[in-house]
Amino acid sequence: FKAVLKGNKRTICDLVQKEIDGGVSPQDILNKELIPAINDVGDKFNKKKYFLPQLIASAEAMKVGINYINPMLKQGENTEKKGVVVIATVEGDIHDIGKNLVSLMLENYGFEVHDLGKDVKCSDIIAAAKEFDADIIGLSALMTTTMQKMKDVVKARNDEKLKAKIMIGGAVITQNYCDEIGADGYSKDAQAAVTVAEELIKK
């Protein structure tokens, strides 16, 4: 937790290993240590207690920690596939910390995730949704200027009559915006994204 808060990449793997040796499950380390830490960092950043360099350092540390426990998480997961998700940060937006977290969480909960990265064109998102026969398209935006691009993806999905439900999230996104553009689900954070995705699959 502290290693993520302090953006300490060097010590994070040792700390994680210590906890695992002490009998803590990788899932718990992710859910009770790493994720609360990055949420806390996001919170501090929003309140201007942290600035971009700290946010990036923390995200990097988190990535190192997650990459370290990822193989262990994969062993423990059930093999039943819940659904296929194509996820991307929309065109013009280069923030992918939140999206990466959502990808990881969905994978850990048994979804097949195709992460297209950041600054992804609408046409590429739709093409991937077709290629992988996606059940869900996940879109992330952290800036008010780029959130408009989500509308284009919803429209393209409707025009192409794809079955994929669209789930959106990001710092500037609200339930109201989700309703306004006709997206199918809104998640406020990575943990919520799992719940929303599971609900959308059932619909």
N, C-alpha and C. Protein backbone atom coordinates (compact mmCIF):
# COMPACT_ATOMS: atom_id res chain seq x y z
N PHE A 1 0.85 -1.20 0.00
CA PHE A 1 0.00 0.00 0.00
C PHE A 1 0.89 1.25 0.00
N LYS A 2 1.82 1.28 0.95
CA LYS A 2 2.70 2.46 1.06
C LYS A 2 3.61 2.60 -0.15
N ALA A 3 4.04 1.44 -0.68
CA ALA A 3 4.93 1.49 -1.85
C ALA A 3 4.23 2.14 -3.03
N VAL A 4 2.94 1.86 -3.17
CA VAL A 4 2.18 2.49 -4.26
C VAL A 4 2.01 3.98 -3.97
N LEU A 5 1.66 4.31 -2.73
CA LEU A 5 1.48 5.72 -2.36
C LEU A 5 2.76 6.51 -2.63
N LYS A 6 3.89 5.90 -2.30
CA LYS A 6 5.16 6.62 -2.45
C LYS A 6 5.76 6.44 -3.84
N GLY A 7 5.12 5.62 -4.66
CA GLY A 7 5.63 5.41 -6.01
C GLY A 7 6.94 4.65 -5.99
N ASN A 8 7.03 3.68 -5.07
CA ASN A 8 8.29 2.98 -4.88
C ASN A 8 8.36 1.67 -5.67
N LYS A 9 8.90 1.76 -6.87
CA LYS A 9 8.94 0.59 -7.76
C LYS A 9 9.91 -0.48 -7.26
N ARG A 10 11.00 -0.04 -6.60
CA ARG A 10 12.05 -0.98 -6.24
C ARG A 10 11.61 -1.97 -5.17
N THR A 11 10.86 -1.47 -4.20
CA THR A 11 10.55 -2.34 -3.06
C THR A 11 9.26 -3.11 -3.23
N ILE A 12 8.44 -2.74 -4.20
CA ILE A 12 7.07 -3.27 -4.22
C ILE A 12 7.02 -4.80 -4.37
N CYS A 13 7.87 -5.36 -5.20
CA CYS A 13 7.81 -6.82 -5.41
C CYS A 13 8.23 -7.59 -4.16
N ASP A 14 9.25 -7.06 -3.46
CA ASP A 14 9.67 -7.70 -2.21
C ASP A 14 8.54 -7.69 -1.21
N LEU A 15 7.86 -6.55 -1.13
CA LEU A 15 6.76 -6.42 -0.16
C LEU A 15 5.63 -7.38 -0.50
N VAL A 16 5.32 -7.47 -1.78
CA VAL A 16 4.26 -8.38 -2.22
C VAL A 16 4.64 -9.82 -1.88
N GLN A 17 5.88 -10.17 -2.18
CA GLN A 17 6.34 -11.54 -1.91
C GLN A 17 6.27 -11.86 -0.41
N LYS A 18 6.63 -10.87 0.41
CA LYS A 18 6.57 -11.04 1.87
C LYS A 18 5.16 -11.39 2.31
N GLU A 19 4.20 -10.66 1.75
CA GLU A 19 2.80 -10.90 2.12
C GLU A 19 2.36 -12.29 1.67
N ILE A 20 2.78 -12.68 0.47
CA ILE A 20 2.40 -13.99 -0.04
C ILE A 20 3.02 -15.09 0.82
N ASP A 21 4.30 -14.89 1.19
CA ASP A 21 4.96 -15.85 2.09
C ASP A 21 4.23 -15.92 3.42
N GLY A 22 3.64 -14.81 3.81
CA GLY A 22 2.90 -14.76 5.07
C GLY A 22 1.48 -15.30 4.93
N GLY A 23 1.17 -15.82 3.75
CA GLY A 23 -0.13 -16.48 3.57
C GLY A 23 -1.25 -15.60 3.05
N VAL A 24 -0.93 -14.37 2.62
CA VAL A 24 -1.97 -13.50 2.06
C VAL A 24 -2.20 -13.89 0.60
N SER A 25 -3.46 -13.99 0.19
CA SER A 25 -3.72 -14.40 -1.20
C SER A 25 -3.46 -13.24 -2.16
N PRO A 26 -3.00 -13.57 -3.38
CA PRO A 26 -2.75 -12.52 -4.38
C PRO A 26 -3.98 -11.64 -4.62
N GLN A 27 -5.16 -12.28 -4.58
CA GLN A 27 -6.41 -11.54 -4.79
C GLN A 27 -6.59 -10.46 -3.71
N ASP A 28 -6.26 -10.85 -2.46
CA ASP A 28 -6.38 -9.89 -1.36
C ASP A 28 -5.37 -8.76 -1.47
N ILE A 29 -4.17 -9.12 -1.92
CA ILE A 29 -3.15 -8.08 -2.08
C ILE A 29 -3.63 -7.05 -3.11
N LEU A 30 -4.22 -7.56 -4.18
CA LEU A 30 -4.73 -6.66 -5.22
C LEU A 30 -5.89 -5.82 -4.69
N ASN A 31 -6.87 -6.49 -4.09
CA ASN A 31 -8.10 -5.80 -3.69
C ASN A 31 -7.96 -4.96 -2.43
N LYS A 32 -7.10 -5.40 -1.49
CA LYS A 32 -7.04 -4.72 -0.20
C LYS A 32 -5.83 -3.82 -0.04
N GLU A 33 -4.84 -3.99 -0.91
CA GLU A 33 -3.64 -3.17 -0.80
C GLU A 33 -3.45 -2.27 -2.03
N LEU A 34 -3.28 -2.91 -3.19
CA LEU A 34 -2.90 -2.15 -4.38
C LEU A 34 -4.02 -1.23 -4.87
N ILE A 35 -5.23 -1.78 -4.95
CA ILE A 35 -6.32 -0.96 -5.50
C ILE A 35 -6.72 0.19 -4.56
N PRO A 36 -6.88 -0.10 -3.25
CA PRO A 36 -7.16 1.03 -2.35
C PRO A 36 -6.05 2.09 -2.43
N ALA A 37 -4.81 1.64 -2.59
CA ALA A 37 -3.70 2.60 -2.65
C ALA A 37 -3.82 3.51 -3.86
N ILE A 38 -4.09 2.92 -5.02
CA ILE A 38 -4.15 3.75 -6.23
C ILE A 38 -5.40 4.64 -6.19
N ASN A 39 -6.47 4.14 -5.57
CA ASN A 39 -7.66 4.98 -5.40
C ASN A 39 -7.35 6.17 -4.50
N ASP A 40 -6.57 5.91 -3.46
CA ASP A 40 -6.15 6.96 -2.53
C ASP A 40 -5.30 8.00 -3.25
N VAL A 41 -4.40 7.51 -4.09
CA VAL A 41 -3.54 8.41 -4.88
C VAL A 41 -4.40 9.27 -5.80
N GLY A 42 -5.38 8.64 -6.46
CA GLY A 42 -6.28 9.37 -7.34
C GLY A 42 -7.03 10.46 -6.59
N ASP A 43 -7.43 10.11 -5.38
CA ASP A 43 -8.15 11.03 -4.51
C ASP A 43 -7.27 12.23 -4.14
N LYS A 44 -6.04 11.93 -3.75
CA LYS A 44 -5.10 12.99 -3.38
C LYS A 44 -4.81 13.89 -4.58
N PHE A 45 -4.75 13.27 -5.75
CA PHE A 45 -4.48 14.03 -6.97
C PHE A 45 -5.65 14.98 -7.24
N ASN A 46 -6.88 14.47 -7.07
CA ASN A 46 -8.06 15.31 -7.29
C ASN A 46 -8.11 16.47 -6.31
N LYS A 47 -7.61 16.24 -5.10
CA LYS A 47 -7.64 17.29 -4.07
C LYS A 47 -6.39 18.16 -4.14
N LYS A 48 -5.58 17.96 -5.17
CA LYS A 48 -4.35 18.74 -5.38
C LYS A 48 -3.31 18.52 -4.28
N LYS A 49 -3.42 17.39 -3.57
CA LYS A 49 -2.37 17.08 -2.59
C LYS A 49 -1.22 16.36 -3.29
N TYR A 50 -1.57 15.69 -4.38
CA TYR A 50 -0.56 15.01 -5.20
C TYR A 50 -0.59 15.67 -6.57
N PHE A 51 0.53 15.63 -7.25
CA PHE A 51 0.59 16.18 -8.60
C PHE A 51 0.96 15.08 -9.59
N LEU A 52 0.97 15.43 -10.86
CA LEU A 52 1.14 14.42 -11.90
C LEU A 52 2.35 13.49 -11.71
N PRO A 53 3.53 14.04 -11.36
CA PRO A 53 4.68 13.13 -11.20
C PRO A 53 4.41 12.03 -10.17
N GLN A 54 3.75 12.40 -9.05
CA GLN A 54 3.44 11.40 -8.03
C GLN A 54 2.43 10.39 -8.54
N LEU A 55 1.45 10.91 -9.26
CA LEU A 55 0.41 10.03 -9.81
C LEU A 55 1.05 9.00 -10.74
N ILE A 56 1.95 9.47 -11.58
CA ILE A 56 2.60 8.57 -12.54
C ILE A 56 3.51 7.58 -11.81
N ALA A 57 4.27 8.07 -10.83
CA ALA A 57 5.16 7.19 -10.06
C ALA A 57 4.35 6.10 -9.37
N SER A 58 3.23 6.48 -8.79
CA SER A 58 2.38 5.51 -8.10
C SER A 58 1.81 4.49 -9.07
N ALA A 59 1.39 4.97 -10.22
CA ALA A 59 0.82 4.07 -11.22
C ALA A 59 1.88 3.09 -11.72
N GLU A 60 3.11 3.59 -11.87
CA GLU A 60 4.21 2.73 -12.32
C GLU A 60 4.49 1.64 -11.28
N ALA A 61 4.52 2.06 -10.01
CA ALA A 61 4.77 1.11 -8.92
C ALA A 61 3.67 0.06 -8.89
N MET A 62 2.44 0.54 -9.08
CA MET A 62 1.30 -0.36 -9.08
C MET A 62 1.44 -1.38 -10.21
N LYS A 63 1.85 -0.88 -11.38
CA LYS A 63 2.01 -1.77 -12.55
C LYS A 63 3.03 -2.87 -12.25
N VAL A 64 4.15 -2.47 -11.64
CA VAL A 64 5.19 -3.44 -11.30
C VAL A 64 4.63 -4.48 -10.34
N GLY A 65 3.91 -4.00 -9.33
CA GLY A 65 3.33 -4.92 -8.34
C GLY A 65 2.32 -5.86 -8.97
N ILE A 66 1.51 -5.32 -9.85
CA ILE A 66 0.47 -6.12 -10.50
C ILE A 66 1.09 -7.14 -11.45
N ASN A 67 2.09 -6.71 -12.20
CA ASN A 67 2.76 -7.66 -13.10
C ASN A 67 3.37 -8.81 -12.32
N TYR A 68 3.80 -8.48 -11.11
CA TYR A 68 4.42 -9.50 -10.26
C TYR A 68 3.40 -10.54 -9.79
N ILE A 69 2.22 -10.06 -9.39
CA ILE A 69 1.23 -11.04 -8.88
C ILE A 69 0.31 -11.59 -9.96
N ASN A 70 0.36 -10.99 -11.14
CA ASN A 70 -0.56 -11.42 -12.20
C ASN A 70 -0.52 -12.92 -12.50
N PRO A 71 0.67 -13.51 -12.66
CA PRO A 71 0.71 -14.96 -12.94
C PRO A 71 0.03 -15.77 -11.84
N MET A 72 0.17 -15.31 -10.58
CA MET A 72 -0.45 -16.03 -9.46
C MET A 72 -1.97 -15.89 -9.48
N LEU A 73 -2.42 -14.71 -9.87
CA LEU A 73 -3.87 -14.48 -9.95
C LEU A 73 -4.46 -15.39 -11.01
N LYS A 74 -3.73 -15.52 -12.12
CA LYS A 74 -4.25 -16.32 -13.23
C LYS A 74 -4.43 -17.79 -12.84
N GLN A 75 -3.52 -18.29 -11.98
CA GLN A 75 -3.63 -19.69 -11.57
C GLN A 75 -4.92 -19.93 -10.80
N GLY A 76 -5.29 -18.93 -10.00
CA GLY A 76 -6.41 -19.15 -9.10
C GLY A 76 -7.77 -18.92 -9.72
N GLU A 77 -7.79 -18.38 -10.94
CA GLU A 77 -9.10 -17.98 -11.46
C GLU A 77 -9.85 -19.19 -12.03
N ASN A 78 -11.16 -19.05 -12.06
CA ASN A 78 -11.93 -20.16 -12.64
C ASN A 78 -11.82 -20.06 -14.16
N THR A 79 -11.90 -21.20 -14.81
CA THR A 79 -11.62 -21.21 -16.24
C THR A 79 -12.84 -20.82 -17.06
N GLU A 80 -13.98 -20.79 -16.43
CA GLU A 80 -15.20 -20.45 -17.17
C GLU A 80 -15.13 -18.99 -17.62
N LYS A 81 -15.30 -18.79 -18.92
CA LYS A 81 -15.19 -17.44 -19.45
C LYS A 81 -16.53 -16.72 -19.34
N LYS A 82 -16.51 -15.53 -18.76
CA LYS A 82 -17.77 -14.82 -18.55
C LYS A 82 -18.22 -14.06 -19.78
N GLY A 83 -17.26 -13.59 -20.57
CA GLY A 83 -17.63 -12.80 -21.73
C GLY A 83 -16.39 -12.16 -22.32
N VAL A 84 -16.57 -11.56 -23.49
CA VAL A 84 -15.45 -10.93 -24.19
C VAL A 84 -15.58 -9.41 -24.12
N VAL A 85 -14.51 -8.77 -23.68
CA VAL A 85 -14.51 -7.31 -23.56
C VAL A 85 -13.42 -6.71 -24.43
N VAL A 86 -13.79 -5.69 -25.20
CA VAL A 86 -12.79 -4.89 -25.92
C VAL A 86 -12.74 -3.56 -25.19
N ILE A 87 -11.55 -3.14 -24.77
CA ILE A 87 -11.46 -1.93 -23.95
C ILE A 87 -10.43 -0.97 -24.54
N ALA A 88 -10.71 0.33 -24.44
CA ALA A 88 -9.80 1.32 -25.01
C ALA A 88 -10.00 2.68 -24.36
N THR A 89 -8.93 3.46 -24.36
CA THR A 89 -9.07 4.88 -24.05
C THR A 89 -9.34 5.57 -25.38
N VAL A 90 -10.32 6.46 -25.40
CA VAL A 90 -10.80 7.01 -26.67
C VAL A 90 -9.78 7.93 -27.35
N GLU A 91 -10.02 8.17 -28.62
CA GLU A 91 -9.13 8.98 -29.45
C GLU A 91 -8.83 10.34 -28.80
N GLY A 92 -7.55 10.72 -28.82
CA GLY A 92 -7.17 12.02 -28.29
C GLY A 92 -6.80 11.98 -26.81
N ASP A 93 -7.09 10.86 -26.16
CA ASP A 93 -6.85 10.76 -24.71
C ASP A 93 -5.70 9.79 -24.46
N ILE A 94 -4.70 10.25 -23.72
CA ILE A 94 -3.50 9.41 -23.54
C ILE A 94 -3.40 8.86 -22.13
N HIS A 95 -4.47 8.94 -21.37
CA HIS A 95 -4.44 8.42 -20.00
C HIS A 95 -4.88 6.97 -20.00
N ASP A 96 -4.06 6.10 -19.42
CA ASP A 96 -4.52 4.71 -19.42
C ASP A 96 -4.40 4.00 -18.08
N ILE A 97 -4.11 4.76 -17.02
CA ILE A 97 -3.98 4.11 -15.70
C ILE A 97 -5.29 3.43 -15.31
N GLY A 98 -6.36 4.20 -15.39
CA GLY A 98 -7.67 3.65 -15.00
C GLY A 98 -8.08 2.48 -15.87
N LYS A 99 -7.87 2.65 -17.18
CA LYS A 99 -8.26 1.59 -18.11
C LYS A 99 -7.46 0.31 -17.84
N ASN A 100 -6.17 0.47 -17.59
CA ASN A 100 -5.34 -0.71 -17.31
C ASN A 100 -5.83 -1.47 -16.09
N LEU A 101 -6.25 -0.69 -15.10
CA LEU A 101 -6.79 -1.30 -13.88
C LEU A 101 -8.05 -2.09 -14.18
N VAL A 102 -8.93 -1.48 -14.95
CA VAL A 102 -10.19 -2.14 -15.30
C VAL A 102 -9.91 -3.42 -16.08
N SER A 103 -8.97 -3.35 -17.03
CA SER A 103 -8.59 -4.54 -17.80
C SER A 103 -8.17 -5.68 -16.87
N LEU A 104 -7.30 -5.32 -15.94
CA LEU A 104 -6.78 -6.32 -15.00
C LEU A 104 -7.88 -6.94 -14.16
N MET A 105 -8.73 -6.07 -13.63
CA MET A 105 -9.82 -6.54 -12.77
C MET A 105 -10.73 -7.48 -13.55
N LEU A 106 -11.09 -7.07 -14.77
CA LEU A 106 -11.99 -7.91 -15.57
C LEU A 106 -11.35 -9.26 -15.87
N GLU A 107 -10.06 -9.22 -16.19
CA GLU A 107 -9.35 -10.48 -16.45
C GLU A 107 -9.35 -11.37 -15.22
N ASN A 108 -9.10 -10.75 -14.07
CA ASN A 108 -9.05 -11.52 -12.82
C ASN A 108 -10.41 -12.13 -12.49
N TYR A 109 -11.46 -11.51 -12.98
CA TYR A 109 -12.80 -12.03 -12.70
C TYR A 109 -13.33 -12.90 -13.84
N GLY A 110 -12.43 -13.31 -14.73
CA GLY A 110 -12.82 -14.31 -15.71
C GLY A 110 -13.31 -13.82 -17.06
N PHE A 111 -13.13 -12.53 -17.34
CA PHE A 111 -13.48 -12.03 -18.67
C PHE A 111 -12.28 -12.17 -19.60
N GLU A 112 -12.56 -12.35 -20.88
CA GLU A 112 -11.49 -12.32 -21.88
C GLU A 112 -11.38 -10.87 -22.33
N VAL A 113 -10.23 -10.26 -22.08
CA VAL A 113 -10.10 -8.82 -22.34
C VAL A 113 -9.11 -8.55 -23.48
N HIS A 114 -9.54 -7.74 -24.43
CA HIS A 114 -8.65 -7.28 -25.50
C HIS A 114 -8.44 -5.78 -25.30
N ASP A 115 -7.27 -5.42 -24.81
CA ASP A 115 -6.98 -4.02 -24.50
C ASP A 115 -6.33 -3.37 -25.71
N LEU A 116 -7.02 -2.39 -26.28
CA LEU A 116 -6.53 -1.75 -27.51
C LEU A 116 -5.58 -0.59 -27.23
N GLY A 117 -5.40 -0.26 -25.94
CA GLY A 117 -4.48 0.82 -25.59
C GLY A 117 -5.15 2.17 -25.48
N LYS A 118 -4.35 3.23 -25.66
CA LYS A 118 -4.89 4.59 -25.50
C LYS A 118 -4.92 5.32 -26.83
N ASP A 119 -5.71 6.40 -26.87
CA ASP A 119 -5.84 7.22 -28.07
C ASP A 119 -6.26 6.35 -29.27
N VAL A 120 -7.35 5.61 -29.08
CA VAL A 120 -7.80 4.66 -30.11
C VAL A 120 -8.97 5.22 -30.91
N LYS A 121 -8.86 5.15 -32.22
CA LYS A 121 -9.92 5.66 -33.10
C LYS A 121 -11.19 4.84 -32.96
N CYS A 122 -12.31 5.51 -33.15
CA CYS A 122 -13.63 4.87 -33.10
C CYS A 122 -13.69 3.67 -34.04
N SER A 123 -13.20 3.85 -35.27
CA SER A 123 -13.29 2.77 -36.26
C SER A 123 -12.50 1.53 -35.83
N ASP A 124 -11.37 1.78 -35.14
CA ASP A 124 -10.55 0.65 -34.66
C ASP A 124 -11.26 -0.11 -33.54
N ILE A 125 -11.96 0.65 -32.70
CA ILE A 125 -12.69 0.02 -31.59
C ILE A 125 -13.80 -0.88 -32.15
N ILE A 126 -14.54 -0.34 -33.12
CA ILE A 126 -15.64 -1.10 -33.72
C ILE A 126 -15.10 -2.33 -34.46
N ALA A 127 -13.98 -2.15 -35.17
CA ALA A 127 -13.37 -3.27 -35.90
C ALA A 127 -12.97 -4.39 -34.94
N ALA A 128 -12.41 -4.01 -33.80
CA ALA A 128 -11.98 -5.01 -32.81
C ALA A 128 -13.19 -5.71 -32.20
N ALA A 129 -14.25 -4.94 -31.96
CA ALA A 129 -15.47 -5.53 -31.38
C ALA A 129 -16.02 -6.60 -32.32
N LYS A 130 -15.94 -6.33 -33.62
CA LYS A 130 -16.40 -7.32 -34.61
C LYS A 130 -15.46 -8.52 -34.64
N GLU A 131 -14.17 -8.22 -34.68
CA GLU A 131 -13.17 -9.29 -34.82
C GLU A 131 -13.25 -10.29 -33.66
N PHE A 132 -13.41 -9.77 -32.44
CA PHE A 132 -13.41 -10.66 -31.27
C PHE A 132 -14.81 -11.04 -30.83
N ASP A 133 -15.83 -10.59 -31.60
CA ASP A 133 -17.22 -10.86 -31.25
C ASP A 133 -17.49 -10.44 -29.80
N ALA A 134 -17.18 -9.18 -29.51
CA ALA A 134 -17.22 -8.68 -28.13
C ALA A 134 -18.64 -8.60 -27.57
N ASP A 135 -18.75 -8.93 -26.29
CA ASP A 135 -20.02 -8.75 -25.57
C ASP A 135 -20.09 -7.33 -25.02
N ILE A 136 -18.92 -6.80 -24.69
CA ILE A 136 -18.86 -5.46 -24.08
C ILE A 136 -17.73 -4.66 -24.71
N ILE A 137 -18.02 -3.36 -24.94
CA ILE A 137 -16.97 -2.42 -25.33
C ILE A 137 -16.77 -1.48 -24.14
N GLY A 138 -15.56 -1.45 -23.61
CA GLY A 138 -15.27 -0.56 -22.49
C GLY A 138 -14.53 0.67 -22.99
N LEU A 139 -15.04 1.85 -22.62
CA LEU A 139 -14.41 3.09 -23.07
C LEU A 139 -14.01 3.94 -21.87
N SER A 140 -12.82 4.52 -21.96
CA SER A 140 -12.34 5.36 -20.87
C SER A 140 -11.95 6.72 -21.42
N ALA A 141 -12.25 7.77 -20.64
CA ALA A 141 -11.81 9.12 -20.99
C ALA A 141 -11.57 9.90 -19.71
N LEU A 142 -10.50 10.65 -19.68
CA LEU A 142 -10.20 11.43 -18.48
C LEU A 142 -10.34 12.92 -18.72
N MET A 143 -10.67 13.29 -19.96
CA MET A 143 -10.76 14.72 -20.26
C MET A 143 -12.10 15.05 -20.89
N THR A 144 -12.63 16.21 -20.54
CA THR A 144 -13.93 16.61 -21.07
C THR A 144 -13.88 16.74 -22.59
N THR A 145 -12.71 17.07 -23.11
CA THR A 145 -12.59 17.24 -24.57
C THR A 145 -12.69 15.90 -25.30
N THR A 146 -12.24 14.82 -24.65
CA THR A 146 -12.23 13.54 -25.35
C THR A 146 -13.47 12.70 -25.06
N MET A 147 -14.20 13.05 -24.01
CA MET A 147 -15.36 12.21 -23.67
C MET A 147 -16.41 12.23 -24.78
N GLN A 148 -16.39 13.30 -25.59
CA GLN A 148 -17.34 13.38 -26.71
C GLN A 148 -17.16 12.23 -27.70
N LYS A 149 -15.94 11.70 -27.76
CA LYS A 149 -15.64 10.61 -28.70
C LYS A 149 -16.43 9.35 -28.37
N MET A 150 -16.85 9.25 -27.11
CA MET A 150 -17.62 8.07 -26.70
C MET A 150 -18.94 8.01 -27.46
N LYS A 151 -19.49 9.20 -27.69
CA LYS A 151 -20.75 9.31 -28.41
C LYS A 151 -20.63 8.69 -29.80
N ASP A 152 -19.48 8.94 -30.45
CA ASP A 152 -19.24 8.40 -31.80
C ASP A 152 -19.24 6.88 -31.79
N VAL A 153 -18.65 6.31 -30.74
CA VAL A 153 -18.58 4.85 -30.66
C VAL A 153 -19.97 4.26 -30.47
N VAL A 154 -20.77 4.91 -29.62
CA VAL A 154 -22.16 4.44 -29.41
C VAL A 154 -22.92 4.48 -30.73
N LYS A 155 -22.76 5.59 -31.45
CA LYS A 155 -23.46 5.74 -32.74
C LYS A 155 -23.01 4.66 -33.73
N ALA A 156 -21.70 4.45 -33.81
CA ALA A 156 -21.16 3.45 -34.74
C ALA A 156 -21.65 2.05 -34.38
N ARG A 157 -21.70 1.78 -33.08
CA ARG A 157 -22.19 0.47 -32.63
C ARG A 157 -23.63 0.27 -33.08
N ASN A 158 -24.44 1.32 -32.92
CA ASN A 158 -25.85 1.24 -33.33
C ASN A 158 -25.99 1.10 -34.84
N ASP A 159 -25.20 1.88 -35.58
CA ASP A 159 -25.25 1.81 -37.04
C ASP A 159 -24.87 0.42 -37.55
N GLU A 160 -23.89 -0.17 -36.89
CA GLU A 160 -23.40 -1.49 -37.32
C GLU A 160 -24.23 -2.63 -36.72
N LYS A 161 -25.17 -2.24 -35.85
CA LYS A 161 -26.04 -3.22 -35.17
C LYS A 161 -25.23 -4.32 -34.46
N LEU A 162 -24.21 -3.89 -33.75
CA LEU A 162 -23.40 -4.85 -32.99
C LEU A 162 -24.10 -5.22 -31.69
N LYS A 163 -23.85 -6.44 -31.22
CA LYS A 163 -24.51 -6.88 -29.98
C LYS A 163 -23.82 -6.30 -28.74
N ALA A 164 -22.60 -5.80 -28.92
CA ALA A 164 -21.80 -5.36 -27.76
C ALA A 164 -22.48 -4.24 -26.99
N LYS A 165 -22.50 -4.40 -25.67
CA LYS A 165 -22.97 -3.33 -24.78
C LYS A 165 -21.79 -2.39 -24.54
N ILE A 166 -22.09 -1.13 -24.33
CA ILE A 166 -21.01 -0.16 -24.12
C ILE A 166 -20.97 0.31 -22.68
N MET A 167 -19.80 0.12 -22.05
CA MET A 167 -19.59 0.54 -20.67
C MET A 167 -18.55 1.66 -20.68
N ILE A 168 -18.85 2.75 -20.00
CA ILE A 168 -17.93 3.89 -20.01
C ILE A 168 -17.49 4.27 -18.60
N GLY A 169 -16.33 4.90 -18.52
CA GLY A 169 -15.83 5.34 -17.23
C GLY A 169 -14.69 6.33 -17.41
N GLY A 170 -14.26 6.91 -16.29
CA GLY A 170 -13.19 7.91 -16.33
C GLY A 170 -13.56 9.05 -15.41
N ALA A 171 -12.57 9.85 -15.07
CA ALA A 171 -12.75 10.90 -14.06
C ALA A 171 -13.89 11.86 -14.40
N VAL A 172 -14.08 12.15 -15.68
CA VAL A 172 -15.06 13.18 -16.05
C VAL A 172 -16.44 12.60 -16.37
N ILE A 173 -16.54 11.27 -16.32
CA ILE A 173 -17.77 10.61 -16.77
C ILE A 173 -18.76 10.45 -15.62
N THR A 174 -20.03 10.65 -15.92
CA THR A 174 -21.08 10.47 -14.91
C THR A 174 -22.18 9.58 -15.47
N GLN A 175 -23.06 9.15 -14.59
CA GLN A 175 -24.21 8.35 -15.01
C GLN A 175 -25.07 9.16 -15.98
N ASN A 176 -25.20 10.46 -15.70
CA ASN A 176 -26.01 11.32 -16.57
C ASN A 176 -25.47 11.34 -17.99
N TYR A 177 -24.14 11.46 -18.09
CA TYR A 177 -23.53 11.48 -19.42
C TYR A 177 -23.75 10.15 -20.13
N CYS A 178 -23.64 9.09 -19.37
CA CYS A 178 -23.86 7.74 -19.91
C CYS A 178 -25.26 7.64 -20.51
N ASP A 179 -26.26 8.12 -19.76
CA ASP A 179 -27.65 8.08 -20.24
C ASP A 179 -27.82 8.97 -21.47
N GLU A 180 -27.18 10.13 -21.40
CA GLU A 180 -27.32 11.13 -22.47
C GLU A 180 -26.83 10.60 -23.82
N ILE A 181 -25.71 9.86 -23.82
CA ILE A 181 -25.15 9.39 -25.09
C ILE A 181 -25.67 8.01 -25.48
N GLY A 182 -26.45 7.41 -24.59
CA GLY A 182 -27.03 6.11 -24.92
C GLY A 182 -26.09 4.93 -24.69
N ALA A 183 -25.10 5.13 -23.80
CA ALA A 183 -24.23 3.99 -23.43
C ALA A 183 -25.01 3.10 -22.47
N ASP A 184 -24.53 1.86 -22.29
CA ASP A 184 -25.32 0.89 -21.53
C ASP A 184 -24.95 0.81 -20.06
N GLY A 185 -23.75 1.26 -19.72
CA GLY A 185 -23.35 1.17 -18.33
C GLY A 185 -22.26 2.17 -18.00
N TYR A 186 -22.24 2.59 -16.72
CA TYR A 186 -21.22 3.52 -16.24
C TYR A 186 -20.58 2.93 -15.00
N SER A 187 -19.27 2.96 -14.93
CA SER A 187 -18.63 2.51 -13.70
C SER A 187 -17.70 3.59 -13.18
N LYS A 188 -17.76 3.81 -11.86
CA LYS A 188 -16.98 4.90 -11.28
C LYS A 188 -15.53 4.49 -11.00
N ASP A 189 -15.30 3.18 -10.84
CA ASP A 189 -13.92 2.72 -10.63
C ASP A 189 -13.77 1.28 -11.11
N ALA A 190 -12.57 0.74 -10.94
CA ALA A 190 -12.28 -0.59 -11.49
C ALA A 190 -13.11 -1.70 -10.85
N GLN A 191 -13.33 -1.57 -9.54
CA GLN A 191 -14.11 -2.60 -8.86
C GLN A 191 -15.56 -2.57 -9.37
N ALA A 192 -16.10 -1.36 -9.52
CA ALA A 192 -17.47 -1.21 -10.02
C ALA A 192 -17.59 -1.74 -11.44
N ALA A 193 -16.53 -1.60 -12.21
CA ALA A 193 -16.55 -2.04 -13.61
C ALA A 193 -16.87 -3.52 -13.72
N VAL A 194 -16.35 -4.30 -12.77
CA VAL A 194 -16.60 -5.74 -12.78
C VAL A 194 -18.09 -6.01 -12.58
N THR A 195 -18.67 -5.34 -11.59
CA THR A 195 -20.10 -5.49 -11.30
C THR A 195 -20.94 -5.08 -12.50
N VAL A 196 -20.62 -3.92 -13.07
CA VAL A 196 -21.37 -3.41 -14.22
C VAL A 196 -21.26 -4.38 -15.40
N ALA A 197 -20.05 -4.86 -15.65
CA ALA A 197 -19.83 -5.79 -16.76
C ALA A 197 -20.64 -7.07 -16.56
N GLU A 198 -20.64 -7.57 -15.33
CA GLU A 198 -21.39 -8.80 -15.06
C GLU A 198 -22.88 -8.59 -15.29
N GLU A 199 -23.37 -7.41 -14.92
CA GLU A 199 -24.79 -7.11 -15.13
C GLU A 199 -25.11 -6.97 -16.61
N LEU A 200 -24.23 -6.30 -17.35
CA LEU A 200 -24.47 -6.09 -18.79
C LEU A 200 -24.49 -7.42 -19.55
N ILE A 201 -23.66 -8.36 -19.13
CA ILE A 201 -23.60 -9.68 -19.79
C ILE A 201 -24.94 -10.40 -19.65
N LYS A 202 -25.59 -10.18 -18.49
CA LYS A 202 -26.85 -10.89 -18.23
C LYS A 202 -28.00 -10.35 -19.06
N LYS A 203 -27.87 -9.07 -19.48
CA LYS A 203 -29.00 -8.42 -20.15
C LYS A 203 -29.27 -9.02 -21.52
